[in-house]
Amino acid sequence: MIVNAPIARLLTAEQSSAVAFIKIEDAVVTIAYQSNPTRMYEFTSESQTFVSQLTQIVEAEDLMGMSLGGVIADARRVNDLVQTEE
């Protein structure tokens, strides 16, 4: 398994109306939403393909023209992202 350096990004409400912060480290994705930016949610992914795609989106200045909140919501719906227990 290839281990990549973690990436993290703060986002303004103009960049993403849903996501305020995102960090991707291996198969763990940490997200804070604009609605409560001080509360962090942790997710895991068993899909290396999804993690790679998400990393590319987050690294792109314009988020590749995609809705980051939509990408996260879709991934949760199909279980590419699963919230960890608190």
N, C-alpha and C. Protein backbone atom coordinates (compact mmCIF):
# COMPACT_ATOMS: atom_id res chain seq x y z
N MET A 1 0.84 -1.19 0.00
CA MET A 1 0.00 0.00 0.00
C MET A 1 0.88 1.24 0.00
N ILE A 2 0.56 2.18 -0.83
CA ILE A 2 1.30 3.44 -0.90
C ILE A 2 0.73 4.39 0.15
N VAL A 3 1.60 4.93 0.97
CA VAL A 3 1.17 5.88 1.99
C VAL A 3 1.51 7.28 1.51
N ASN A 4 0.51 8.11 1.42
CA ASN A 4 0.70 9.49 0.96
C ASN A 4 0.76 10.42 2.15
N ALA A 5 1.43 11.54 1.95
CA ALA A 5 1.45 12.56 3.00
C ALA A 5 0.03 13.09 3.17
N PRO A 6 -0.35 13.41 4.40
CA PRO A 6 -1.70 13.94 4.60
C PRO A 6 -1.84 15.30 3.93
N ILE A 7 -3.03 15.58 3.47
CA ILE A 7 -3.33 16.92 2.95
C ILE A 7 -4.48 17.49 3.76
N ALA A 8 -4.46 18.79 3.92
CA ALA A 8 -5.53 19.47 4.65
C ALA A 8 -5.81 20.79 3.96
N ARG A 9 -7.06 21.22 4.04
CA ARG A 9 -7.44 22.48 3.40
C ARG A 9 -8.58 23.14 4.15
N LEU A 10 -8.41 24.42 4.41
CA LEU A 10 -9.49 25.27 4.93
C LEU A 10 -10.21 25.87 3.74
N LEU A 11 -11.52 25.94 3.81
CA LEU A 11 -12.29 26.48 2.70
C LEU A 11 -13.19 27.60 3.19
N THR A 12 -13.30 28.64 2.39
CA THR A 12 -14.24 29.71 2.71
C THR A 12 -15.64 29.28 2.27
N ALA A 13 -16.64 30.00 2.73
CA ALA A 13 -18.02 29.70 2.33
C ALA A 13 -18.20 29.90 0.83
N GLU A 14 -17.38 30.78 0.23
CA GLU A 14 -17.46 30.99 -1.22
C GLU A 14 -16.90 29.79 -1.98
N GLN A 15 -15.89 29.13 -1.42
CA GLN A 15 -15.31 27.95 -2.07
C GLN A 15 -16.19 26.72 -1.90
N SER A 16 -16.80 26.59 -0.73
CA SER A 16 -17.69 25.46 -0.46
C SER A 16 -18.74 25.90 0.55
N SER A 17 -19.99 25.81 0.17
CA SER A 17 -21.05 26.22 1.08
C SER A 17 -21.28 25.18 2.18
N ALA A 18 -20.71 23.98 2.01
CA ALA A 18 -20.93 22.91 2.99
C ALA A 18 -19.70 22.61 3.84
N VAL A 19 -18.53 22.56 3.24
CA VAL A 19 -17.33 22.08 3.92
C VAL A 19 -16.41 23.25 4.28
N ALA A 20 -16.04 23.35 5.58
CA ALA A 20 -15.14 24.41 6.05
C ALA A 20 -13.70 23.93 6.11
N PHE A 21 -13.51 22.63 6.38
CA PHE A 21 -12.17 22.06 6.53
C PHE A 21 -12.22 20.60 6.14
N ILE A 22 -11.17 20.14 5.47
CA ILE A 22 -11.07 18.73 5.15
C ILE A 22 -9.61 18.31 5.25
N LYS A 23 -9.40 17.14 5.84
CA LYS A 23 -8.06 16.55 5.92
C LYS A 23 -8.17 15.10 5.47
N ILE A 24 -7.24 14.70 4.61
CA ILE A 24 -7.20 13.33 4.12
C ILE A 24 -5.85 12.75 4.52
N GLU A 25 -5.89 11.67 5.28
CA GLU A 25 -4.67 11.00 5.70
C GLU A 25 -4.89 9.50 5.57
N ASP A 26 -4.25 8.92 4.57
CA ASP A 26 -4.45 7.52 4.22
C ASP A 26 -5.94 7.28 3.98
N ALA A 27 -6.57 6.41 4.75
CA ALA A 27 -7.99 6.09 4.54
C ALA A 27 -8.90 6.85 5.49
N VAL A 28 -8.36 7.84 6.20
CA VAL A 28 -9.15 8.62 7.16
C VAL A 28 -9.38 10.03 6.61
N VAL A 29 -10.65 10.43 6.59
CA VAL A 29 -11.03 11.76 6.12
C VAL A 29 -11.70 12.48 7.29
N THR A 30 -11.17 13.65 7.63
CA THR A 30 -11.73 14.47 8.71
C THR A 30 -12.35 15.70 8.09
N ILE A 31 -13.58 16.00 8.49
CA ILE A 31 -14.34 17.10 7.89
C ILE A 31 -14.97 17.96 8.97
N ALA A 32 -14.93 19.27 8.76
CA ALA A 32 -15.73 20.21 9.54
C ALA A 32 -16.64 20.93 8.55
N TYR A 33 -17.89 21.06 8.91
CA TYR A 33 -18.87 21.69 8.02
C TYR A 33 -19.00 23.18 8.34
N GLN A 34 -19.40 23.96 7.35
CA GLN A 34 -19.58 25.40 7.52
C GLN A 34 -20.60 25.70 8.61
N SER A 35 -21.58 24.84 8.78
CA SER A 35 -22.63 25.07 9.78
C SER A 35 -22.11 25.00 11.21
N ASN A 36 -21.00 24.29 11.44
CA ASN A 36 -20.39 24.20 12.76
C ASN A 36 -18.90 23.88 12.57
N PRO A 37 -18.11 24.88 12.18
CA PRO A 37 -16.72 24.62 11.80
C PRO A 37 -15.81 24.16 12.93
N THR A 38 -16.25 24.24 14.17
CA THR A 38 -15.41 23.78 15.27
C THR A 38 -15.62 22.30 15.59
N ARG A 39 -16.60 21.68 14.98
CA ARG A 39 -16.92 20.26 15.23
C ARG A 39 -16.35 19.42 14.10
N MET A 40 -15.44 18.52 14.41
CA MET A 40 -14.81 17.65 13.41
C MET A 40 -15.51 16.29 13.35
N TYR A 41 -15.72 15.81 12.15
CA TYR A 41 -16.29 14.49 11.91
C TYR A 41 -15.24 13.64 11.22
N GLU A 42 -15.08 12.41 11.66
CA GLU A 42 -14.09 11.52 11.08
C GLU A 42 -14.78 10.40 10.33
N PHE A 43 -14.26 10.14 9.14
CA PHE A 43 -14.79 9.09 8.28
C PHE A 43 -13.63 8.20 7.84
N THR A 44 -13.96 6.97 7.49
CA THR A 44 -12.97 6.08 6.89
C THR A 44 -13.47 5.64 5.53
N SER A 45 -12.53 5.25 4.70
CA SER A 45 -12.89 4.75 3.37
C SER A 45 -12.08 3.51 3.07
N GLU A 46 -12.75 2.51 2.56
CA GLU A 46 -12.07 1.30 2.11
C GLU A 46 -11.78 1.37 0.62
N SER A 47 -12.20 2.45 -0.03
CA SER A 47 -12.01 2.61 -1.48
C SER A 47 -10.81 3.52 -1.75
N GLN A 48 -9.69 2.92 -2.13
CA GLN A 48 -8.51 3.71 -2.47
C GLN A 48 -8.80 4.60 -3.69
N THR A 49 -9.64 4.11 -4.58
CA THR A 49 -10.01 4.91 -5.76
C THR A 49 -10.72 6.19 -5.32
N PHE A 50 -11.67 6.08 -4.40
CA PHE A 50 -12.37 7.27 -3.92
C PHE A 50 -11.42 8.22 -3.22
N VAL A 51 -10.54 7.69 -2.36
CA VAL A 51 -9.59 8.55 -1.64
C VAL A 51 -8.69 9.29 -2.62
N SER A 52 -8.24 8.62 -3.66
CA SER A 52 -7.40 9.26 -4.68
C SER A 52 -8.16 10.36 -5.40
N GLN A 53 -9.41 10.09 -5.77
CA GLN A 53 -10.23 11.10 -6.45
C GLN A 53 -10.49 12.29 -5.54
N LEU A 54 -10.82 12.02 -4.28
CA LEU A 54 -11.08 13.10 -3.33
C LEU A 54 -9.83 13.94 -3.13
N THR A 55 -8.68 13.31 -3.04
CA THR A 55 -7.42 14.02 -2.89
C THR A 55 -7.19 14.96 -4.07
N GLN A 56 -7.43 14.48 -5.28
CA GLN A 56 -7.26 15.32 -6.47
C GLN A 56 -8.19 16.53 -6.43
N ILE A 57 -9.43 16.31 -6.02
CA ILE A 57 -10.40 17.41 -5.94
C ILE A 57 -9.95 18.44 -4.92
N VAL A 58 -9.55 17.98 -3.74
CA VAL A 58 -9.16 18.90 -2.65
C VAL A 58 -7.89 19.66 -3.00
N GLU A 59 -6.97 19.02 -3.70
CA GLU A 59 -5.72 19.68 -4.07
C GLU A 59 -5.90 20.72 -5.17
N ALA A 60 -6.94 20.59 -5.98
CA ALA A 60 -7.18 21.54 -7.07
C ALA A 60 -7.70 22.86 -6.51
N GLU A 61 -7.11 23.94 -6.97
CA GLU A 61 -7.49 25.27 -6.48
C GLU A 61 -8.99 25.51 -6.59
N ASP A 62 -9.59 25.10 -7.72
CA ASP A 62 -11.02 25.33 -7.96
C ASP A 62 -11.87 24.12 -7.63
N LEU A 63 -11.31 23.15 -6.90
CA LEU A 63 -12.01 21.90 -6.55
C LEU A 63 -12.50 21.17 -7.80
N MET A 64 -11.77 21.38 -8.91
CA MET A 64 -12.10 20.76 -10.20
C MET A 64 -13.52 21.11 -10.65
N GLY A 65 -14.02 22.25 -10.18
CA GLY A 65 -15.36 22.69 -10.55
C GLY A 65 -16.47 21.87 -9.90
N MET A 66 -16.12 21.06 -8.91
CA MET A 66 -17.11 20.19 -8.29
C MET A 66 -17.61 20.76 -6.97
N SER A 67 -18.76 20.29 -6.55
CA SER A 67 -19.30 20.63 -5.24
C SER A 67 -18.71 19.64 -4.24
N LEU A 68 -17.83 20.12 -3.37
CA LEU A 68 -17.20 19.22 -2.40
C LEU A 68 -18.24 18.61 -1.46
N GLY A 69 -19.21 19.41 -1.04
CA GLY A 69 -20.29 18.88 -0.21
C GLY A 69 -21.06 17.79 -0.91
N GLY A 70 -21.30 17.95 -2.20
CA GLY A 70 -22.00 16.94 -2.99
C GLY A 70 -21.19 15.66 -3.12
N VAL A 71 -19.88 15.82 -3.33
CA VAL A 71 -19.01 14.65 -3.42
C VAL A 71 -19.03 13.86 -2.11
N ILE A 72 -18.95 14.58 -0.99
CA ILE A 72 -18.97 13.94 0.33
C ILE A 72 -20.33 13.26 0.56
N ALA A 73 -21.42 13.95 0.26
CA ALA A 73 -22.76 13.38 0.46
C ALA A 73 -22.96 12.12 -0.38
N ASP A 74 -22.52 12.17 -1.64
CA ASP A 74 -22.65 10.99 -2.50
C ASP A 74 -21.83 9.82 -1.97
N ALA A 75 -20.60 10.11 -1.50
CA ALA A 75 -19.73 9.07 -0.98
C ALA A 75 -20.34 8.43 0.27
N ARG A 76 -20.95 9.24 1.11
CA ARG A 76 -21.59 8.70 2.31
C ARG A 76 -22.78 7.82 1.93
N ARG A 77 -23.52 8.24 0.92
CA ARG A 77 -24.71 7.50 0.49
C ARG A 77 -24.36 6.10 -0.02
N VAL A 78 -23.22 5.97 -0.71
CA VAL A 78 -22.83 4.67 -1.27
C VAL A 78 -21.77 3.96 -0.41
N ASN A 79 -21.56 4.49 0.79
CA ASN A 79 -20.63 3.90 1.77
C ASN A 79 -19.16 3.92 1.34
N ASP A 80 -18.79 4.85 0.44
CA ASP A 80 -17.37 5.07 0.18
C ASP A 80 -16.74 5.82 1.35
N LEU A 81 -17.56 6.55 2.11
CA LEU A 81 -17.14 7.18 3.34
C LEU A 81 -18.08 6.71 4.43
N VAL A 82 -17.51 6.21 5.53
CA VAL A 82 -18.31 5.74 6.64
C VAL A 82 -17.86 6.48 7.89
N GLN A 83 -18.80 7.13 8.56
CA GLN A 83 -18.46 7.89 9.76
C GLN A 83 -18.04 6.94 10.86
N THR A 84 -16.94 7.30 11.55
CA THR A 84 -16.46 6.48 12.65
C THR A 84 -17.27 6.81 13.90
N GLU A 85 -17.33 5.88 14.80
CA GLU A 85 -18.06 6.09 16.05
C GLU A 85 -17.31 7.08 16.92
N GLU A 86 -18.06 7.86 17.66
CA GLU A 86 -17.43 8.85 18.54
C GLU A 86 -17.06 8.23 19.86
